[in-house]
C-alpha atoms as a PDB file:
ATOM      1  CA  MET A   1      79.398 149.442  36.483  1.00  0.00           C
ATOM      2  CA  PRO A   2      82.154 146.953  35.537  1.00  0.00           C
ATOM      3  CA  ALA A   3      81.371 143.244  35.780  1.00  0.00           C
ATOM      4  CA  SER A   4      83.944 142.806  38.561  1.00  0.00           C
ATOM      5  CA  ALA A   5      82.218 145.482  40.654  1.00  0.00           C
ATOM      6  CA  LEU A   6      78.845 143.807  40.122  1.00  0.00           C
ATOM      7  CA  ALA A   7      80.306 140.444  41.120  1.00  0.00           C
ATOM      8  CA  PHE A   8      81.898 141.974  44.218  1.00  0.00           C
ATOM      9  CA  ARG A   9      78.624 143.652  45.210  1.00  0.00           C
ATOM     10  CA  ASP A  10      76.711 140.391  44.751  1.00  0.00           C
ATOM     11  CA  CYS A  11      79.299 138.443  46.763  1.00  0.00           C
ATOM     12  CA  HIS A  12      79.221 141.054  49.534  1.00  0.00           C
ATOM     13  CA  ARG A  13      75.410 140.950  49.648  1.00  0.00           C
ATOM     14  CA  ARG A  14      75.384 137.152  49.887  1.00  0.00           C
ATOM     15  CA  LEU A  15      78.116 137.058  52.527  1.00  0.00           C
ATOM     16  CA  SER A  16      76.348 139.708  54.611  1.00  0.00           C
ATOM     17  CA  ALA A  17      73.094 137.748  54.470  1.00  0.00           C
ATOM     18  CA  LEU A  18      74.904 134.555  55.470  1.00  0.00           C
ATOM     19  CA  LEU A  19      76.644 136.242  58.406  1.00  0.00           C
ATOM     20  CA  ASP A  20      73.384 137.843  59.568  1.00  0.00           C
ATOM     21  CA  ALA A  21      71.620 134.474  59.468  1.00  0.00           C
ATOM     22  CA  HIS A  22      74.466 132.849  61.403  1.00  0.00           C
ATOM     23  CA  ALA A  23      74.480 135.614  64.031  1.00  0.00           C
ATOM     24  CA  ARG A  24      70.726 135.275  64.575  1.00  0.00           C
ATOM     25  CA  GLN A  25      71.008 131.486  64.793  1.00  0.00           C
ATOM     26  CA  SER A  26      73.901 131.278  67.253  1.00  0.00           C
ATOM     27  CA  ALA A  27      73.121 134.278  69.482  1.00  0.00           C
ATOM     28  CA  PRO A  28      71.879 133.260  72.936  1.00  0.00           C
ATOM     29  CA  PRO A  29      68.828 135.080  74.318  1.00  0.00           C
ATOM     30  CA  THR A  30      69.546 138.466  75.895  1.00  0.00           C
ATOM     31  CA  ALA A  31      68.272 137.329  79.310  1.00  0.00           C
ATOM     32  CA  ALA A  32      70.818 134.514  79.348  1.00  0.00           C
ATOM     33  CA  LEU A  33      73.599 136.984  78.625  1.00  0.00           C
ATOM     34  CA  ALA A  34      72.428 139.344  81.367  1.00  0.00           C
ATOM     35  CA  GLY A  35      72.296 136.512  83.897  1.00  0.00           C
ATOM     36  CA  ARG A  36      75.899 135.445  83.636  1.00  0.00           C
ATOM     37  CA  GLU A  37      79.206 137.235  83.762  1.00  0.00           C
ATOM     38  CA  GLN A  38      81.216 137.417  80.567  1.00  0.00           C
ATOM     39  CA  HIS A  39      84.876 136.455  80.904  1.00  0.00           C
ATOM     40  CA  SER A  40      87.292 137.446  78.207  1.00  0.00           C
ATOM     41  CA  SER A  41      90.453 135.580  77.318  1.00  0.00           C
ATOM     42  CA  VAL A  42      92.025 138.923  76.432  1.00  0.00           C
ATOM     43  CA  THR A  43      94.088 140.436  79.238  1.00  0.00           C
ATOM     44  CA  GLU A  44      93.367 143.965  80.406  1.00  0.00           C
ATOM     45  CA  LEU A  45      95.471 146.506  78.570  1.00  0.00           C
ATOM     46  CA  GLN A  46      97.091 149.290  80.538  1.00  0.00           C
ATOM     47  CA  PRO A  47      97.342 152.783  79.023  1.00  0.00           C
ATOM     48  CA  ARG A  48     100.842 154.025  78.315  1.00  0.00           C
ATOM     49  CA  ALA A  49     102.429 157.172  76.976  1.00  0.00           C
ATOM     50  CA  ILE A  50     103.247 157.267  73.274  1.00  0.00           C
ATOM     51  CA  ALA A  51     106.449 158.998  72.206  1.00  0.00           C
ATOM     52  CA  PRO A  52     105.995 161.761  69.626  1.00  0.00           C
ATOM     53  CA  MET A  53     107.115 161.076  66.059  1.00  0.00           C
ATOM     54  CA  GLY A  54     110.715 161.981  65.248  1.00  0.00           C
ATOM     55  CA  SER A  55     112.001 161.897  68.815  1.00  0.00           C
END
């Protein structure tokens, strides 16, 4: 395995571990999530027809 691939794999492993630790640390308990309504800042998207390619 080339050195760059080993470095990438090591970086990915470390970043994944860091993100997992952060997610566990900042995630509120499940009961708290179930007790309150989640509001999203993203507006509801409406489905629409998509024109076929080449028309």
